Protein backbone atom coordinates (compact mmCIF):
# COMPACT_ATOMS: atom_id res chain seq x y z
CA UNK A 1 16.61 7.55 16.05
CA UNK A 2 15.54 4.13 14.82
CA UNK A 3 11.87 3.20 15.16
CA UNK A 4 10.04 -0.08 14.52
CA UNK A 5 6.43 0.34 13.38
CA UNK A 6 3.59 -2.14 12.98
CA UNK A 7 0.60 -1.05 10.90
CA UNK A 8 3.02 1.10 8.90
CA UNK A 9 1.22 0.71 5.58
CA UNK A 10 -2.09 1.91 7.00
CA UNK A 11 -3.75 5.32 6.94
CA UNK A 12 -1.86 6.68 9.96
CA UNK A 13 1.25 4.52 9.78
CA UNK A 14 2.20 5.47 6.23
CA UNK A 15 2.15 9.17 7.06
CA UNK A 16 4.17 8.52 10.22
CA UNK A 17 6.84 6.71 8.18
CA UNK A 18 6.99 9.59 5.72
CA UNK A 19 7.40 12.16 8.50
CA UNK A 20 10.08 10.20 10.35
CA UNK A 21 11.94 9.44 7.14
CA UNK A 22 11.80 13.10 6.15
CA UNK A 23 13.52 14.01 9.41
CA UNK A 24 16.33 11.56 8.77
CA UNK A 25 15.28 8.80 11.14
CA UNK A 26 15.58 5.09 10.35
CA UNK A 27 12.43 3.00 10.27
CA UNK A 28 11.83 -0.74 10.52
CA UNK A 29 8.48 -1.62 8.96
CA UNK A 30 7.12 -4.80 10.56
CA UNK A 31 4.58 -6.18 8.13
CA UNK A 32 2.69 -9.34 7.23
CA UNK A 33 2.74 -8.33 3.55
CA UNK A 34 6.26 -7.42 2.49
CA UNK A 35 5.36 -7.13 -1.20
CA UNK A 36 2.74 -4.48 -0.49
CA UNK A 37 5.03 -2.64 1.93
CA UNK A 38 7.73 -2.49 -0.75
CA UNK A 39 5.24 -0.83 -3.10
CA UNK A 40 4.23 1.70 -0.45
CA UNK A 41 7.85 2.40 0.55
CA UNK A 42 10.05 1.78 -2.52
CA UNK A 43 13.71 1.65 -1.58
CA UNK A 44 14.73 4.40 -4.01
CA UNK A 45 12.37 6.85 -2.29
CA UNK A 46 12.77 5.48 1.24
CA UNK A 47 16.41 4.40 1.64
CA UNK A 48 16.18 4.55 5.43
CA UNK A 49 13.25 2.10 5.60
CA UNK A 50 13.91 -1.56 6.33
CA UNK A 51 11.01 -3.92 5.63
CA UNK A 52 10.81 -7.00 7.84
CA UNK A 53 8.20 -9.77 7.69
CA UNK A 54 6.48 -10.60 10.96
CA UNK A 55 3.63 -12.81 12.03
CA UNK A 56 0.80 -11.76 14.27
CA UNK A 57 0.67 -14.56 16.80
CA UNK A 58 4.00 -16.37 16.66
CA UNK A 59 7.52 -15.60 17.73
CA UNK A 60 10.21 -15.40 15.09
CA UNK A 61 13.43 -13.92 13.82
CA UNK A 62 11.62 -10.61 13.27
CA UNK A 63 11.74 -10.03 17.01
CA UNK A 64 15.53 -9.68 16.94
CA UNK A 65 15.34 -6.41 14.98
CA UNK A 66 13.65 -4.79 17.97
CA UNK A 67 17.00 -4.82 19.82
CA UNK A 68 18.46 -2.32 17.37
CA UNK A 69 15.59 0.17 17.76
CA UNK A 70 15.22 3.16 20.04
CA UNK A 71 11.43 3.05 20.02
CA UNK A 72 8.48 0.96 18.86
CA UNK A 73 5.11 2.20 17.56
CA UNK A 74 2.39 -0.46 17.55
CA UNK A 75 -0.49 0.54 15.29
CA UNK A 76 -1.58 -2.87 14.02
CA UNK A 77 -5.20 -4.00 14.25
CA UNK A 78 -8.01 -5.26 12.04
CA UNK A 79 -10.40 -2.45 10.93
CA UNK A 80 -13.49 -2.32 13.15
CA UNK A 81 -15.81 -0.41 10.82
CA UNK A 82 -15.78 -2.74 7.85
CA UNK A 83 -18.21 -5.64 7.54
CA UNK A 84 -20.59 -7.33 9.95
CA UNK A 85 -19.39 -8.32 13.40
CA UNK A 86 -19.85 -12.05 13.18
CA UNK A 87 -18.40 -14.08 16.07
CA UNK A 88 -15.42 -14.89 13.84
CA UNK A 89 -14.94 -11.23 12.93
CA UNK A 90 -15.04 -10.19 16.58
CA UNK A 91 -12.34 -12.73 17.37
CA UNK A 92 -10.18 -11.36 14.56
CA UNK A 93 -10.62 -7.81 15.87
CA UNK A 94 -9.62 -8.89 19.37
CA UNK A 95 -6.74 -11.17 18.39
CA UNK A 96 -5.17 -8.67 16.02
CA UNK A 97 -4.75 -6.29 18.93
CA UNK A 98 -4.27 -8.53 21.94
CA UNK A 99 -1.99 -11.19 20.44
CA UNK A 100 -0.15 -8.72 18.22
CA UNK A 101 0.67 -6.49 21.19
CA UNK A 102 1.61 -9.52 23.26
CA UNK A 103 4.27 -10.51 20.71
CA UNK A 104 5.59 -6.96 20.37
CA UNK A 105 5.97 -6.68 24.15
CA UNK A 106 7.65 -10.09 24.26
CA UNK A 107 10.18 -8.91 21.68
CA UNK A 108 10.89 -5.72 23.62
CA UNK A 109 11.33 -7.57 26.91
CA UNK A 110 13.79 -10.01 25.33
CA UNK A 111 15.74 -7.34 23.43
CA UNK A 112 19.26 -6.42 24.48
CA UNK A 113 19.53 -3.50 24.47
CA UNK A 114 15.86 -2.67 24.85
CA UNK A 115 14.03 0.16 23.11
CA UNK A 116 13.36 2.99 25.53
CA UNK A 117 9.70 3.54 24.61
CA UNK A 118 6.62 1.77 23.28
CA UNK A 119 3.86 3.87 21.74
CA UNK A 120 0.79 1.65 21.65
CA UNK A 121 -2.47 2.52 19.92
CA UNK A 122 -5.81 2.07 21.63
CA UNK A 123 -9.17 3.69 20.93
CA UNK A 124 -11.79 5.90 22.53
CA UNK A 125 -14.08 2.88 22.33
CA UNK A 126 -12.51 2.17 25.72
CA UNK A 127 -15.07 4.47 27.34
CA UNK A 128 -18.23 2.94 25.92
CA UNK A 129 -20.90 5.19 24.41
CA UNK A 130 -23.07 8.03 25.72
CA UNK A 131 -25.03 10.99 24.36
CA UNK A 132 -24.76 12.93 27.61
CA UNK A 133 -21.52 12.08 29.44
CA UNK A 134 -18.05 13.29 28.62
CA UNK A 135 -14.86 11.34 29.16
CA UNK A 136 -11.20 12.13 29.77
CA UNK A 137 -8.19 9.95 30.47
CA UNK A 138 -9.29 9.34 34.08
CA UNK A 139 -12.75 8.03 33.16
CA UNK A 140 -13.75 4.42 33.76
CA UNK A 141 -14.04 1.94 30.91
CA UNK A 142 -17.30 0.89 29.32
CA UNK A 143 -18.56 -2.68 29.15
CA UNK A 144 -19.47 -3.22 25.49
CA UNK A 145 -17.43 -5.23 23.01
CA UNK A 146 -15.16 -2.39 21.89
CA UNK A 147 -14.47 -1.40 25.48
CA UNK A 148 -13.49 -4.97 26.28
CA UNK A 149 -11.19 -5.09 23.24
CA UNK A 150 -9.47 -1.88 24.33
CA UNK A 151 -9.06 -3.16 27.89
CA UNK A 152 -7.42 -6.37 26.67
CA UNK A 153 -5.27 -4.42 24.20
CA UNK A 154 -4.01 -2.00 26.83
CA UNK A 155 -3.46 -4.74 29.41
CA UNK A 156 -0.98 -6.46 27.09
CA UNK A 157 0.86 -3.20 26.40
CA UNK A 158 1.10 -2.40 30.13
CA UNK A 159 3.29 -5.48 30.70
CA UNK A 160 6.19 -3.71 28.98
CA UNK A 161 6.56 -1.46 32.03
CA UNK A 162 7.85 -4.43 34.04
CA UNK A 163 10.94 -4.31 31.81
CA UNK A 164 11.52 -0.64 32.61
CA UNK A 165 10.34 0.58 29.21
CA UNK A 166 8.40 3.83 28.98
CA UNK A 167 4.86 3.23 27.76
CA UNK A 168 2.55 5.70 26.03
CA UNK A 169 -0.98 4.55 25.19
CA UNK A 170 -2.83 6.78 22.74
CA UNK A 171 -6.59 6.30 22.58
CA UNK A 172 -7.38 7.28 19.01
CA UNK A 173 -10.51 9.18 18.12
CA UNK A 174 -11.92 9.00 14.58
CA UNK A 175 -9.03 10.02 12.35
CA UNK A 176 -9.82 12.55 9.61
CA UNK A 177 -7.73 12.81 6.47
CA UNK A 178 -7.66 11.75 2.83
CA UNK A 179 -9.19 8.35 3.40
CA UNK A 180 -10.55 6.60 6.45
CA UNK A 181 -13.99 7.47 7.77
CA UNK A 182 -14.15 10.81 5.96
CA UNK A 183 -13.43 9.14 2.64
CA UNK A 184 -16.70 7.21 3.00
CA UNK A 185 -18.74 10.32 3.83
CA UNK A 186 -17.56 12.59 1.01
CA UNK A 187 -19.03 10.80 -2.08
CA UNK A 188 -22.71 11.25 -1.05
CA UNK A 189 -22.09 14.96 -0.45
CA UNK A 190 -20.53 15.29 -3.90
CA UNK A 191 -23.79 13.87 -5.27
CA UNK A 192 -25.89 16.35 -3.21
CA UNK A 193 -27.13 13.42 -1.10
CA UNK A 194 -25.17 13.92 2.12
CA UNK A 195 -26.52 14.11 5.62
CA UNK A 196 -26.11 12.91 9.20
CA UNK A 197 -25.98 9.23 10.06
CA UNK A 198 -28.65 7.96 12.44
CA UNK A 199 -30.13 10.41 14.93
CA UNK A 200 -27.40 13.02 14.44
CA UNK A 201 -27.23 13.47 18.22
CA UNK A 202 -24.34 11.05 18.75
CA UNK A 203 -20.96 12.55 19.59
CA UNK A 204 -18.14 12.48 17.06
CA UNK A 205 -14.71 12.70 18.72
CA UNK A 206 -12.15 13.22 15.98
CA UNK A 207 -8.55 14.18 15.25
CA UNK A 208 -6.83 15.37 12.08
CA UNK A 209 -4.30 12.79 10.89
CA UNK A 210 -1.53 15.42 10.89
CA UNK A 211 -2.14 16.15 14.56
CA UNK A 212 -2.20 12.45 15.38
CA UNK A 213 1.15 11.84 13.67
CA UNK A 214 2.64 14.88 15.40
CA UNK A 215 1.37 13.55 18.73
CA UNK A 216 3.01 10.17 18.11
CA UNK A 217 6.29 11.84 17.20
CA UNK A 218 6.13 13.99 20.34
CA UNK A 219 5.52 10.88 22.45
CA UNK A 220 8.55 9.21 20.87
CA UNK A 221 10.94 12.03 21.62
CA UNK A 222 9.81 13.47 24.97
CA UNK A 223 10.68 11.18 27.91
CA UNK A 224 8.35 13.06 30.27
CA UNK A 225 5.34 11.84 28.29
CA UNK A 226 4.15 8.57 29.79
CA UNK A 227 0.84 6.85 30.41
CA UNK A 228 -2.53 7.25 28.73
CA UNK A 229 -3.52 10.13 26.46
CA UNK A 230 -6.63 10.73 24.39
CA UNK A 231 -5.65 11.30 20.78
CA UNK A 232 -8.62 13.51 19.97
CA UNK A 233 -9.10 17.15 19.05
CA UNK A 234 -10.22 19.40 21.94
CA UNK A 235 -13.54 20.20 20.23
CA UNK A 236 -15.69 17.11 19.60
CA UNK A 237 -18.97 17.67 17.73
CA UNK A 238 -22.27 15.90 17.29
CA UNK A 239 -22.90 14.00 14.08
CA UNK A 240 -25.42 16.58 12.86
CA UNK A 241 -22.80 19.33 13.28
CA UNK A 242 -20.21 17.25 11.46
CA UNK A 243 -22.56 16.78 8.51
CA UNK A 244 -23.54 20.44 8.43
CA UNK A 245 -19.91 21.60 8.54
CA UNK A 246 -18.88 19.12 5.86
CA UNK A 247 -21.71 20.38 3.65
CA UNK A 248 -20.65 23.99 4.19
CA UNK A 249 -17.00 23.29 3.36
CA UNK A 250 -17.99 21.34 0.23
CA UNK A 251 -20.72 23.86 -0.70
CA UNK A 252 -23.27 21.08 -0.64
CA UNK A 253 -26.53 20.59 1.29
CA UNK A 254 -26.72 18.29 4.30
CA UNK A 255 -30.33 17.25 4.06
CA UNK A 256 -30.58 13.50 3.57
CA UNK A 257 -30.08 11.55 6.83
CA UNK A 258 -28.88 7.96 6.61
CA UNK A 259 -31.37 5.95 8.69
CA UNK A 260 -30.05 3.80 11.50
CA UNK A 261 -31.66 0.63 10.15
CA UNK A 262 -29.68 0.94 6.91
CA UNK A 263 -26.37 1.06 8.78
CA UNK A 264 -27.46 -1.80 11.06
CA UNK A 265 -28.42 -3.91 8.05
CA UNK A 266 -24.96 -3.37 6.58
CA UNK A 267 -22.79 -3.64 9.66
CA UNK A 268 -24.84 -5.51 12.27
CA UNK A 269 -23.27 -4.99 15.70
CA UNK A 270 -20.54 -2.94 14.03
CA UNK A 271 -23.07 -0.15 13.54
CA UNK A 272 -22.26 1.00 17.07
CA UNK A 273 -19.14 2.66 15.63
CA UNK A 274 -21.22 5.25 13.75
CA UNK A 275 -24.64 5.19 15.43
CA UNK A 276 -23.43 5.68 18.98
CA UNK A 277 -20.56 7.84 20.11
CA UNK A 278 -18.81 9.44 23.02
CA UNK A 279 -17.66 12.94 23.89
CA UNK A 280 -13.96 12.47 24.61
CA UNK A 281 -11.76 15.32 25.80
CA UNK A 282 -7.93 15.23 25.57
CA UNK A 283 -7.28 16.64 29.04
CA UNK A 284 -3.84 15.09 29.62
CA UNK A 285 -2.82 15.68 26.01
CA UNK A 286 -3.52 19.40 26.32
CA UNK A 287 -1.66 19.47 29.64
CA UNK A 288 1.54 18.30 27.89
CA UNK A 289 1.48 21.55 25.91
CA UNK A 290 0.74 19.78 22.64
CA UNK A 291 -0.23 22.33 20.00
CA UNK A 292 -2.98 21.26 17.63
CA UNK A 293 -2.70 22.45 14.05
CA UNK A 294 -6.41 21.70 13.61
CA UNK A 295 -8.29 22.11 16.90
CA UNK A 296 -11.59 22.92 15.16
CA UNK A 297 -13.53 20.80 12.71
CA UNK A 298 -13.99 23.48 10.06
CA UNK A 299 -10.25 24.19 9.75
CA UNK A 300 -9.53 20.45 9.61
CA UNK A 301 -12.07 19.81 6.85
CA UNK A 302 -10.94 22.83 4.85
CA UNK A 303 -7.36 21.56 4.85
CA UNK A 304 -8.35 18.02 3.89
CA UNK A 305 -10.70 19.08 1.11
CA UNK A 306 -8.55 21.92 -0.25
């Protein structure tokens, strides 16, 4: 199998490339920074990886490589949890997903032969936030900024179905692994200064990065998988429980809450990512028979911190 991947040098994408390469598949890394990608995937270690420069919002010769691929995985998008959400930053967050997906779909539609499947990332921000409700793949969308971004993102991906290409949209929860959100929580705990963020009552819907990569690979190879799936573990927790479990695994106390105003001062509107949450259940994902290696938070954290 030959797979084109955007966002391949990121937290999730780099592990996906490693797993696919380890199984003998060929990978086309579509990247805006070829020099960095070559450092991440040196040719001597990754002989089956082809690195191709592409641009976010313009057509180009990079689109022709799509015709040689069996599948496409679109993971590209500006990070949402870093920096204040100024009007310019919001536009970057939206454009990186909407325009990027638009160009990927355009390339697939024009390819001959076409890839058989597009795996497109989305996020559980689609559902909006709530301390009391729970959401599955059939739930309605929210109306805040992140929900609107996810709607626009998914709408562009959906256009690929008109070309007869199988589409799988994975709504990512908060991905846990060596890096990402967890990487920012661990240092305070090491200093005996860890604790919940904000009220502690907000829901934290998560997935271990290994499970997420396995889910993507399953979606690539199983033609019966199609449509929208929540890429979350089946056991979401509240922020206070996350902090307590992290403290237990690290043998550290969880006693020093991070006040909401401190996060808001740092991130502005972006504080919604950590101060508000949603309880998201992977109903359709479980129905496919997908087997989680880490269905519970404690086992996930123990593996990551081992």
